[in-house]
Amino acid sequence: ETYTAMRHFADSWGLLAMTLYFLGVVVFIFRPGATNAAVEASAIPLK
């Protein structure tokens, strides 16, 4: 019974949570101010 409940939760709310997390990461990466941070982070190994 526990397995069935956990499987149902993962199939419904788990998928929703992972989708929202993915969309949040995409929005965070492609926000307008992210370009400067990405350029600075890419130069760290060369400093």
All heavy atoms as atom14 arrays in JSON, in Angstrom:
{
  "sequence": "ETYTAMRHFADSWGLLAMTLYFLGVVVFIFRPGATNAAVEASAIPLK",
  "atom14_mask": [
    [1, 1, 1, 1, 1, 1, 1, 1, 1, 0, 0, 0, 0, 0],
    [1, 1, 1, 1, 1, 1, 1, 0, 0, 0, 0, 0, 0, 0],
    [1, 1, 1, 1, 1, 1, 1, 1, 1, 1, 1, 1, 0, 0],
    [1, 1, 1, 1, 1, 1, 1, 0, 0, 0, 0, 0, 0, 0],
    [1, 1, 1, 1, 1, 0, 0, 0, 0, 0, 0, 0, 0, 0],
    [1, 1, 1, 1, 1, 1, 1, 1, 0, 0, 0, 0, 0, 0],
    [1, 1, 1, 1, 1, 1, 1, 1, 1, 1, 1, 0, 0, 0],
    [1, 1, 1, 1, 1, 1, 1, 1, 1, 1, 0, 0, 0, 0],
    [1, 1, 1, 1, 1, 1, 1, 1, 1, 1, 1, 0, 0, 0],
    [1, 1, 1, 1, 1, 0, 0, 0, 0, 0, 0, 0, 0, 0],
    [1, 1, 1, 1, 1, 1, 1, 1, 0, 0, 0, 0, 0, 0],
    [1, 1, 1, 1, 1, 1, 0, 0, 0, 0, 0, 0, 0, 0],
    [1, 1, 1, 1, 1, 1, 1, 1, 1, 1, 1, 1, 1, 1],
    [1, 1, 1, 1, 0, 0, 0, 0, 0, 0, 0, 0, 0, 0],
    [1, 1, 1, 1, 1, 1, 1, 1, 0, 0, 0, 0, 0, 0],
    [1, 1, 1, 1, 1, 1, 1, 1, 0, 0, 0, 0, 0, 0],
    [1, 1, 1, 1, 1, 0, 0, 0, 0, 0, 0, 0, 0, 0],
    [1, 1, 1, 1, 1, 1, 1, 1, 0, 0, 0, 0, 0, 0],
    [1, 1, 1, 1, 1, 1, 1, 0, 0, 0, 0, 0, 0, 0],
    [1, 1, 1, 1, 1, 1, 1, 1, 0, 0, 0, 0, 0, 0],
    [1, 1, 1, 1, 1, 1, 1, 1, 1, 1, 1, 1, 0, 0],
    [1, 1, 1, 1, 1, 1, 1, 1, 1, 1, 1, 0, 0, 0],
    [1, 1, 1, 1, 1, 1, 1, 1, 0, 0, 0, 0, 0, 0],
    [1, 1, 1, 1, 0, 0, 0, 0, 0, 0, 0, 0, 0, 0],
    [1, 1, 1, 1, 1, 1, 1, 0, 0, 0, 0, 0, 0, 0],
    [1, 1, 1, 1, 1, 1, 1, 0, 0, 0, 0, 0, 0, 0],
    [1, 1, 1, 1, 1, 1, 1, 0, 0, 0, 0, 0, 0, 0],
    [1, 1, 1, 1, 1, 1, 1, 1, 1, 1, 1, 0, 0, 0],
    [1, 1, 1, 1, 1, 1, 1, 1, 0, 0, 0, 0, 0, 0],
    [1, 1, 1, 1, 1, 1, 1, 1, 1, 1, 1, 0, 0, 0],
    [1, 1, 1, 1, 1, 1, 1, 1, 1, 1, 1, 0, 0, 0],
    [1, 1, 1, 1, 1, 1, 1, 0, 0, 0, 0, 0, 0, 0],
    [1, 1, 1, 1, 0, 0, 0, 0, 0, 0, 0, 0, 0, 0],
    [1, 1, 1, 1, 1, 0, 0, 0, 0, 0, 0, 0, 0, 0],
    [1, 1, 1, 1, 1, 1, 1, 0, 0, 0, 0, 0, 0, 0],
    [1, 1, 1, 1, 1, 1, 1, 1, 0, 0, 0, 0, 0, 0],
    [1, 1, 1, 1, 1, 0, 0, 0, 0, 0, 0, 0, 0, 0],
    [1, 1, 1, 1, 1, 0, 0, 0, 0, 0, 0, 0, 0, 0],
    [1, 1, 1, 1, 1, 1, 1, 0, 0, 0, 0, 0, 0, 0],
    [1, 1, 1, 1, 1, 1, 1, 1, 1, 0, 0, 0, 0, 0],
    [1, 1, 1, 1, 1, 0, 0, 0, 0, 0, 0, 0, 0, 0],
    [1, 1, 1, 1, 1, 1, 0, 0, 0, 0, 0, 0, 0, 0],
    [1, 1, 1, 1, 1, 0, 0, 0, 0, 0, 0, 0, 0, 0],
    [1, 1, 1, 1, 1, 1, 1, 1, 0, 0, 0, 0, 0, 0],
    [1, 1, 1, 1, 1, 1, 1, 0, 0, 0, 0, 0, 0, 0],
    [1, 1, 1, 1, 1, 1, 1, 1, 0, 0, 0, 0, 0, 0],
    [1, 1, 1, 1, 1, 1, 1, 1, 1, 0, 0, 0, 0, 0]
  ],
  "atom14_positions": [
    [[0.82, -1.21, 0.0], [0.0, 0.0, 0.0], [0.86, 1.26, 0.0], [0.55, 2.25, -0.66], [-0.94, 0.0, 1.21], [-1.9, 1.16, 1.24], [-2.9, 1.13, 0.1], [-3.27, 0.03, -0.32], [-3.3, 2.21, -0.37], [0.0, 0.0, 0.0], [0.0, 0.0, 0.0], [0.0, 0.0, 0.0], [0.0, 0.0, 0.0], [0.0, 0.0, 0.0]],
    [[1.96, 1.24, 0.73], [2.86, 2.4, 0.78], [3.48, 2.63, -0.59], [3.57, 3.77, -1.05], [3.97, 2.18, 1.82], [3.36, 1.93, 3.09], [4.86, 3.39, 1.92], [0.0, 0.0, 0.0], [0.0, 0.0, 0.0], [0.0, 0.0, 0.0], [0.0, 0.0, 0.0], [0.0, 0.0, 0.0], [0.0, 0.0, 0.0], [0.0, 0.0, 0.0]],
    [[3.88, 1.57, -1.24], [4.46, 1.69, -2.58], [3.46, 2.32, -3.55], [3.81, 3.21, -4.33], [4.91, 0.33, -3.1], [5.35, 0.37, -4.54], [6.61, 0.86, -4.88], [4.5, -0.06, -5.56], [7.01, 0.92, -6.19], [4.89, 0.01, -6.88], [6.15, 0.49, -7.2], [6.53, 0.55, -8.5], [0.0, 0.0, 0.0], [0.0, 0.0, 0.0]],
    [[2.23, 1.89, -3.49], [1.21, 2.41, -4.39], [0.96, 3.89, -4.13], [0.83, 4.67, -5.07], [-0.11, 1.62, -4.22], [0.17, 0.23, -4.4], [-1.15, 2.07, -5.21], [0.0, 0.0, 0.0], [0.0, 0.0, 0.0], [0.0, 0.0, 0.0], [0.0, 0.0, 0.0], [0.0, 0.0, 0.0], [0.0, 0.0, 0.0], [0.0, 0.0, 0.0]],
    [[0.92, 4.28, -2.88], [0.71, 5.69, -2.53], [1.88, 6.55, -3.0], [1.68, 7.64, -3.57], [0.5, 5.84, -1.04], [0.0, 0.0, 0.0], [0.0, 0.0, 0.0], [0.0, 0.0, 0.0], [0.0, 0.0, 0.0], [0.0, 0.0, 0.0], [0.0, 0.0, 0.0], [0.0, 0.0, 0.0], [0.0, 0.0, 0.0], [0.0, 0.0, 0.0]],
    [[3.09, 6.07, -2.78], [4.26, 6.83, -3.2], [4.35, 6.92, -4.73], [4.73, 7.94, -5.28], [5.53, 6.2, -2.64], [5.62, 6.25, -1.13], [5.61, 7.92, -0.48], [7.27, 8.4, -0.84], [0.0, 0.0, 0.0], [0.0, 0.0, 0.0], [0.0, 0.0, 0.0], [0.0, 0.0, 0.0], [0.0, 0.0, 0.0], [0.0, 0.0, 0.0]],
    [[3.98, 5.85, -5.4], [3.99, 5.85, -6.86], [2.97, 6.84, -7.41], [3.25, 7.58, -8.36], [3.7, 4.43, -7.36], [3.54, 4.27, -8.83], [4.88, 4.38, -9.53], [4.72, 4.47, -10.95], [4.9, 3.44, -11.77], [5.23, 2.28, -11.29], [4.75, 3.6, -13.05], [0.0, 0.0, 0.0], [0.0, 0.0, 0.0], [0.0, 0.0, 0.0]],
    [[1.79, 6.87, -6.82], [0.77, 7.82, -7.25], [1.22, 9.25, -7.01], [1.04, 10.12, -7.86], [-0.55, 7.55, -6.51], [-1.62, 8.51, -6.86], [-2.22, 8.53, -8.1], [-2.2, 9.5, -6.15], [-3.12, 9.5, -8.13], [-3.12, 10.1, -6.95], [0.0, 0.0, 0.0], [0.0, 0.0, 0.0], [0.0, 0.0, 0.0], [0.0, 0.0, 0.0]],
    [[1.84, 9.52, -5.87], [2.35, 10.85, -5.57], [3.43, 11.26, -6.57], [3.44, 12.38, -7.08], [2.92, 10.9, -4.15], [3.53, 12.22, -3.8], [2.72, 13.29, -3.47], [4.9, 12.4, -3.82], [3.28, 14.52, -3.15], [5.47, 13.61, -3.51], [4.65, 14.68, -3.18], [0.0, 0.0, 0.0], [0.0, 0.0, 0.0], [0.0, 0.0, 0.0]],
    [[4.36, 10.36, -6.87], [5.44, 10.67, -7.8], [4.92, 10.9, -9.21], [5.42, 11.75, -9.94], [6.47, 9.55, -7.8], [0.0, 0.0, 0.0], [0.0, 0.0, 0.0], [0.0, 0.0, 0.0], [0.0, 0.0, 0.0], [0.0, 0.0, 0.0], [0.0, 0.0, 0.0], [0.0, 0.0, 0.0], [0.0, 0.0, 0.0], [0.0, 0.0, 0.0]],
    [[3.9, 10.14, -9.6], [3.34, 10.29, -10.94], [2.59, 11.6, -11.11], [2.55, 12.15, -12.21], [2.39, 9.13, -11.26], [3.13, 7.85, -11.56], [4.34, 7.92, -11.8], [2.48, 6.79, -11.55], [0.0, 0.0, 0.0], [0.0, 0.0, 0.0], [0.0, 0.0, 0.0], [0.0, 0.0, 0.0], [0.0, 0.0, 0.0], [0.0, 0.0, 0.0]],
    [[2.01, 12.14, -10.05], [1.21, 13.35, -10.2], [1.96, 14.58, -9.68], [2.4, 15.43, -10.45], [-0.12, 13.19, -9.47], [0.11, 12.89, -8.1], [0.0, 0.0, 0.0], [0.0, 0.0, 0.0], [0.0, 0.0, 0.0], [0.0, 0.0, 0.0], [0.0, 0.0, 0.0], [0.0, 0.0, 0.0], [0.0, 0.0, 0.0], [0.0, 0.0, 0.0]],
    [[2.12, 14.7, -8.39], [2.72, 15.89, -7.8], [4.23, 15.95, -8.01], [4.8, 17.04, -8.15], [2.4, 15.97, -6.31], [0.94, 16.19, -6.09], [0.05, 15.27, -5.65], [0.2, 17.38, -6.33], [-1.21, 15.82, -5.6], [-1.14, 17.12, -6.01], [0.54, 18.64, -6.8], [-2.14, 18.08, -6.14], [-0.46, 19.6, -6.92], [-1.76, 19.33, -6.6]],
    [[4.88, 14.82, -8.06], [6.33, 14.81, -8.32], [6.65, 15.35, -9.7], [7.58, 16.12, -9.88], [0.0, 0.0, 0.0], [0.0, 0.0, 0.0], [0.0, 0.0, 0.0], [0.0, 0.0, 0.0], [0.0, 0.0, 0.0], [0.0, 0.0, 0.0], [0.0, 0.0, 0.0], [0.0, 0.0, 0.0], [0.0, 0.0, 0.0], [0.0, 0.0, 0.0]],
    [[5.87, 14.94, -10.68], [6.06, 15.43, -12.04], [5.79, 16.93, -12.11], [6.53, 17.67, -12.76], [5.14, 14.68, -13.0], [5.22, 15.1, -14.47], [6.63, 14.85, -15.01], [4.19, 14.36, -15.28], [0.0, 0.0, 0.0], [0.0, 0.0, 0.0], [0.0, 0.0, 0.0], [0.0, 0.0, 0.0], [0.0, 0.0, 0.0], [0.0, 0.0, 0.0]],
    [[4.78, 17.38, -11.43], [4.48, 18.82, -11.41], [5.6, 19.59, -10.75], [6.04, 20.63, -11.26], [3.16, 19.07, -10.66], [2.77, 20.54, -10.52], [2.47, 21.15, -11.88], [1.57, 20.67, -9.6], [0.0, 0.0, 0.0], [0.0, 0.0, 0.0], [0.0, 0.0, 0.0], [0.0, 0.0, 0.0], [0.0, 0.0, 0.0], [0.0, 0.0, 0.0]],
    [[6.13, 19.09, -9.65], [7.22, 19.77, -8.95], [8.47, 19.83, -9.82], [9.14, 20.88, -9.89], [7.52, 19.06, -7.63], [0.0, 0.0, 0.0], [0.0, 0.0, 0.0], [0.0, 0.0, 0.0], [0.0, 0.0, 0.0], [0.0, 0.0, 0.0], [0.0, 0.0, 0.0], [0.0, 0.0, 0.0], [0.0, 0.0, 0.0], [0.0, 0.0, 0.0]],
    [[8.82, 18.74, -10.49], [10.0, 18.75, -11.36], [9.82, 19.68, -12.54], [10.77, 20.36, -12.96], [10.31, 17.33, -11.84], [10.88, 16.45, -10.76], [11.45, 14.85, -11.36], [9.91, 14.06, -11.76], [0.0, 0.0, 0.0], [0.0, 0.0, 0.0], [0.0, 0.0, 0.0], [0.0, 0.0, 0.0], [0.0, 0.0, 0.0], [0.0, 0.0, 0.0]],
    [[8.61, 19.75, -13.09], [8.34, 20.66, -14.2], [8.47, 22.11, -13.77], [9.08, 22.92, -14.47], [6.94, 20.4, -14.78], [6.84, 19.03, -15.17], [6.64, 21.3, -15.96], [0.0, 0.0, 0.0], [0.0, 0.0, 0.0], [0.0, 0.0, 0.0], [0.0, 0.0, 0.0], [0.0, 0.0, 0.0], [0.0, 0.0, 0.0], [0.0, 0.0, 0.0]],
    [[7.93, 22.44, -12.6], [8.04, 23.81, -12.1], [9.49, 24.17, -11.79], [9.93, 25.3, -12.06], [7.17, 23.99, -10.86], [5.66, 23.95, -11.11], [4.92, 24.03, -9.79], [5.25, 25.08, -12.05], [0.0, 0.0, 0.0], [0.0, 0.0, 0.0], [0.0, 0.0, 0.0], [0.0, 0.0, 0.0], [0.0, 0.0, 0.0], [0.0, 0.0, 0.0]],
    [[10.25, 23.23, -11.25], [11.67, 23.47, -10.98], [12.41, 23.72, -12.28], [13.22, 24.66, -12.38], [12.27, 22.28, -10.23], [13.73, 22.45, -9.91], [14.14, 23.27, -8.88], [14.68, 21.8, -10.67], [15.49, 23.43, -8.59], [16.03, 21.96, -10.39], [16.42, 22.78, -9.35], [17.75, 22.94, -9.08], [0.0, 0.0, 0.0], [0.0, 0.0, 0.0]],
    [[12.16, 22.92, -13.3], [12.8, 23.09, -14.6], [12.47, 24.44, -15.2], [13.37, 25.15, -15.7], [12.38, 21.96, -15.55], [12.89, 22.14, -16.95], [14.21, 21.86, -17.24], [12.06, 22.6, -17.94], [14.69, 22.03, -18.53], [12.53, 22.77, -19.24], [13.85, 22.48, -19.53], [0.0, 0.0, 0.0], [0.0, 0.0, 0.0], [0.0, 0.0, 0.0]],
    [[11.22, 24.83, -15.16], [10.82, 26.13, -15.71], [11.46, 27.28, -14.93], [11.86, 28.29, -15.52], [9.3, 26.26, -15.72], [8.58, 25.35, -16.71], [7.07, 25.47, -16.54], [9.0, 25.66, -18.13], [0.0, 0.0, 0.0], [0.0, 0.0, 0.0], [0.0, 0.0, 0.0], [0.0, 0.0, 0.0], [0.0, 0.0, 0.0], [0.0, 0.0, 0.0]],
    [[11.58, 27.12, -13.62], [12.24, 28.14, -12.81], [13.7, 28.29, -13.18], [14.22, 29.42, -13.26], [0.0, 0.0, 0.0], [0.0, 0.0, 0.0], [0.0, 0.0, 0.0], [0.0, 0.0, 0.0], [0.0, 0.0, 0.0], [0.0, 0.0, 0.0], [0.0, 0.0, 0.0], [0.0, 0.0, 0.0], [0.0, 0.0, 0.0], [0.0, 0.0, 0.0]],
    [[14.39, 27.19, -13.41], [15.8, 27.24, -13.81], [15.93, 27.91, -15.18], [16.82, 28.74, -15.38], [16.42, 25.83, -13.82], [17.77, 25.82, -14.49], [16.52, 25.3, -12.4], [0.0, 0.0, 0.0], [0.0, 0.0, 0.0], [0.0, 0.0, 0.0], [0.0, 0.0, 0.0], [0.0, 0.0, 0.0], [0.0, 0.0, 0.0], [0.0, 0.0, 0.0]],
    [[15.06, 27.58, -16.11], [15.12, 28.18, -17.44], [14.88, 29.68, -17.36], [15.61, 30.46, -17.98], [14.1, 27.5, -18.39], [13.94, 28.28, -19.68], [14.53, 26.07, -18.68], [0.0, 0.0, 0.0], [0.0, 0.0, 0.0], [0.0, 0.0, 0.0], [0.0, 0.0, 0.0], [0.0, 0.0, 0.0], [0.0, 0.0, 0.0], [0.0, 0.0, 0.0]],
    [[13.9, 30.1, -16.58], [13.63, 31.53, -16.43], [14.81, 32.22, -15.76], [15.21, 33.32, -16.16], [12.33, 31.76, -15.62], [12.18, 33.21, -15.19], [11.13, 31.33, -16.44], [0.0, 0.0, 0.0], [0.0, 0.0, 0.0], [0.0, 0.0, 0.0], [0.0, 0.0, 0.0], [0.0, 0.0, 0.0], [0.0, 0.0, 0.0], [0.0, 0.0, 0.0]],
    [[15.42, 31.58, -14.77], [16.57, 32.16, -14.08], [17.75, 32.33, -15.02], [18.45, 33.34, -14.99], [16.96, 31.27, -12.89], [18.13, 31.79, -12.11], [17.98, 32.85, -11.24], [19.38, 31.22, -12.26], [19.04, 33.33, -10.52], [20.46, 31.69, -11.54], [20.3, 32.76, -10.66], [0.0, 0.0, 0.0], [0.0, 0.0, 0.0], [0.0, 0.0, 0.0]],
    [[17.98, 31.36, -15.88], [19.12, 31.43, -16.8], [18.91, 32.48, -17.88], [19.83, 33.21, -18.24], [19.37, 30.05, -17.43], [19.89, 29.09, -16.38], [20.34, 30.14, -18.59], [20.0, 27.67, -16.85], [0.0, 0.0, 0.0], [0.0, 0.0, 0.0], [0.0, 0.0, 0.0], [0.0, 0.0, 0.0], [0.0, 0.0, 0.0], [0.0, 0.0, 0.0]],
    [[17.71, 32.58, -18.41], [17.44, 33.49, -19.52], [16.88, 34.84, -19.09], [16.37, 35.57, -19.94], [16.5, 32.82, -20.52], [17.14, 31.68, -21.25], [16.7, 30.38, -21.05], [18.2, 31.9, -22.12], [17.3, 29.34, -21.71], [18.8, 30.85, -22.79], [18.34, 29.56, -22.59], [0.0, 0.0, 0.0], [0.0, 0.0, 0.0], [0.0, 0.0, 0.0]],
    [[17.03, 35.19, -17.82], [16.57, 36.51, -17.39], [17.49, 37.57, -17.98], [18.63, 37.28, -18.36], [16.51, 36.59, -15.87], [17.84, 36.64, -15.2], [17.71, 36.54, -13.68], [18.95, 36.89, -13.04], [20.01, 36.11, -12.92], [19.97, 34.89, -13.44], [21.1, 36.53, -12.32], [0.0, 0.0, 0.0], [0.0, 0.0, 0.0], [0.0, 0.0, 0.0]],
    [[17.06, 38.83, -18.06], [17.86, 39.86, -18.72], [19.24, 40.08, -18.11], [20.2, 40.35, -18.83], [17.01, 41.12, -18.58], [15.62, 40.62, -18.47], [15.73, 39.32, -17.72], [0.0, 0.0, 0.0], [0.0, 0.0, 0.0], [0.0, 0.0, 0.0], [0.0, 0.0, 0.0], [0.0, 0.0, 0.0], [0.0, 0.0, 0.0], [0.0, 0.0, 0.0]],
    [[19.41, 39.99, -16.82], [20.7, 40.27, -16.2], [21.64, 39.09, -16.13], [22.73, 39.19, -15.57], [0.0, 0.0, 0.0], [0.0, 0.0, 0.0], [0.0, 0.0, 0.0], [0.0, 0.0, 0.0], [0.0, 0.0, 0.0], [0.0, 0.0, 0.0], [0.0, 0.0, 0.0], [0.0, 0.0, 0.0], [0.0, 0.0, 0.0], [0.0, 0.0, 0.0]],
    [[21.27, 37.97, -16.69], [22.08, 36.76, -16.56], [23.3, 36.75, -17.47], [24.25, 36.01, -17.21], [21.23, 35.53, -16.84], [0.0, 0.0, 0.0], [0.0, 0.0, 0.0], [0.0, 0.0, 0.0], [0.0, 0.0, 0.0], [0.0, 0.0, 0.0], [0.0, 0.0, 0.0], [0.0, 0.0, 0.0], [0.0, 0.0, 0.0], [0.0, 0.0, 0.0]],
    [[23.31, 37.57, -18.5], [24.42, 37.55, -19.44], [25.73, 37.96, -18.77], [26.76, 37.3, -18.95], [24.14, 38.48, -20.62], [22.91, 38.09, -21.22], [25.23, 38.41, -21.66], [0.0, 0.0, 0.0], [0.0, 0.0, 0.0], [0.0, 0.0, 0.0], [0.0, 0.0, 0.0], [0.0, 0.0, 0.0], [0.0, 0.0, 0.0], [0.0, 0.0, 0.0]],
    [[25.69, 39.01, -17.98], [26.91, 39.47, -17.32], [27.42, 38.43, -16.33], [28.64, 38.2, -16.24], [26.66, 40.8, -16.59], [26.36, 41.91, -17.58], [26.76, 41.85, -18.73], [25.64, 42.92, -17.12], [0.0, 0.0, 0.0], [0.0, 0.0, 0.0], [0.0, 0.0, 0.0], [0.0, 0.0, 0.0], [0.0, 0.0, 0.0], [0.0, 0.0, 0.0]],
    [[26.54, 37.83, -15.59], [26.95, 36.8, -14.63], [27.55, 35.59, -15.35], [28.52, 35.0, -14.87], [25.77, 36.37, -13.77], [0.0, 0.0, 0.0], [0.0, 0.0, 0.0], [0.0, 0.0, 0.0], [0.0, 0.0, 0.0], [0.0, 0.0, 0.0], [0.0, 0.0, 0.0], [0.0, 0.0, 0.0], [0.0, 0.0, 0.0], [0.0, 0.0, 0.0]],
    [[26.99, 35.22, -16.48], [27.51, 34.08, -17.23], [28.89, 34.38, -17.81], [29.78, 33.52, -17.8], [26.55, 33.69, -18.35], [0.0, 0.0, 0.0], [0.0, 0.0, 0.0], [0.0, 0.0, 0.0], [0.0, 0.0, 0.0], [0.0, 0.0, 0.0], [0.0, 0.0, 0.0], [0.0, 0.0, 0.0], [0.0, 0.0, 0.0], [0.0, 0.0, 0.0]],
    [[29.09, 35.59, -18.28], [30.4, 35.97, -18.82], [31.44, 35.97, -17.71], [32.56, 35.48, -17.89], [30.31, 37.34, -19.52], [31.68, 37.88, -19.84], [29.46, 37.24, -20.76], [0.0, 0.0, 0.0], [0.0, 0.0, 0.0], [0.0, 0.0, 0.0], [0.0, 0.0, 0.0], [0.0, 0.0, 0.0], [0.0, 0.0, 0.0], [0.0, 0.0, 0.0]],
    [[31.1, 36.51, -16.56], [32.03, 36.52, -15.43], [32.34, 35.1, -14.96], [33.49, 34.78, -14.66], [31.46, 37.33, -14.28], [31.41, 38.82, -14.53], [30.77, 39.59, -13.41], [30.62, 39.03, -12.3], [30.42, 40.75, -13.62], [0.0, 0.0, 0.0], [0.0, 0.0, 0.0], [0.0, 0.0, 0.0], [0.0, 0.0, 0.0], [0.0, 0.0, 0.0]],
    [[31.35, 34.24, -14.89], [31.56, 32.86, -14.45], [32.42, 32.08, -15.46], [33.22, 31.24, -15.06], [30.22, 32.17, -14.26], [0.0, 0.0, 0.0], [0.0, 0.0, 0.0], [0.0, 0.0, 0.0], [0.0, 0.0, 0.0], [0.0, 0.0, 0.0], [0.0, 0.0, 0.0], [0.0, 0.0, 0.0], [0.0, 0.0, 0.0], [0.0, 0.0, 0.0]],
    [[32.27, 32.38, -16.73], [33.07, 31.66, -17.73], [34.54, 32.08, -17.71], [35.4, 31.34, -18.18], [32.5, 31.88, -19.13], [32.67, 33.23, -19.52], [0.0, 0.0, 0.0], [0.0, 0.0, 0.0], [0.0, 0.0, 0.0], [0.0, 0.0, 0.0], [0.0, 0.0, 0.0], [0.0, 0.0, 0.0], [0.0, 0.0, 0.0], [0.0, 0.0, 0.0]],
    [[34.82, 33.25, -17.15], [36.21, 33.74, -17.09], [36.93, 33.3, -15.83], [38.14, 33.52, -15.7], [36.22, 35.26, -17.21], [0.0, 0.0, 0.0], [0.0, 0.0, 0.0], [0.0, 0.0, 0.0], [0.0, 0.0, 0.0], [0.0, 0.0, 0.0], [0.0, 0.0, 0.0], [0.0, 0.0, 0.0], [0.0, 0.0, 0.0], [0.0, 0.0, 0.0]],
    [[36.26, 32.68, -14.88], [36.87, 32.29, -13.62], [38.09, 31.37, -13.8], [39.12, 31.61, -13.19], [35.83, 31.66, -12.68], [34.87, 32.73, -12.17], [36.5, 30.97, -11.49], [33.71, 32.2, -11.35], [0.0, 0.0, 0.0], [0.0, 0.0, 0.0], [0.0, 0.0, 0.0], [0.0, 0.0, 0.0], [0.0, 0.0, 0.0], [0.0, 0.0, 0.0]],
    [[38.02, 30.34, -14.64], [39.2, 29.47, -14.78], [40.42, 30.18, -15.37], [41.55, 29.74, -15.2], [38.74, 28.36, -15.72], [37.27, 28.38, -15.66], [36.88, 29.79, -15.36], [0.0, 0.0, 0.0], [0.0, 0.0, 0.0], [0.0, 0.0, 0.0], [0.0, 0.0, 0.0], [0.0, 0.0, 0.0], [0.0, 0.0, 0.0], [0.0, 0.0, 0.0]],
    [[40.2, 31.26, -16.08], [41.31, 31.96, -16.74], [41.95, 33.03, -15.86], [43.01, 33.56, -16.22], [40.81, 32.59, -18.03], [40.15, 31.61, -19.02], [39.59, 32.36, -20.21], [41.12, 30.55, -19.45], [0.0, 0.0, 0.0], [0.0, 0.0, 0.0], [0.0, 0.0, 0.0], [0.0, 0.0, 0.0], [0.0, 0.0, 0.0], [0.0, 0.0, 0.0]],
    [[41.33, 33.35, -14.74], [41.88, 34.36, -13.85], [43.09, 33.8, -13.11], [43.11, 32.64, -12.71], [40.83, 34.81, -12.81], [39.73, 35.63, -13.4], [38.79, 36.08, -12.3], [37.64, 36.87, -12.89], [36.68, 37.26, -11.85], [0.0, 0.0, 0.0], [0.0, 0.0, 0.0], [0.0, 0.0, 0.0], [0.0, 0.0, 0.0], [0.0, 0.0, 0.0]]
  ]
}
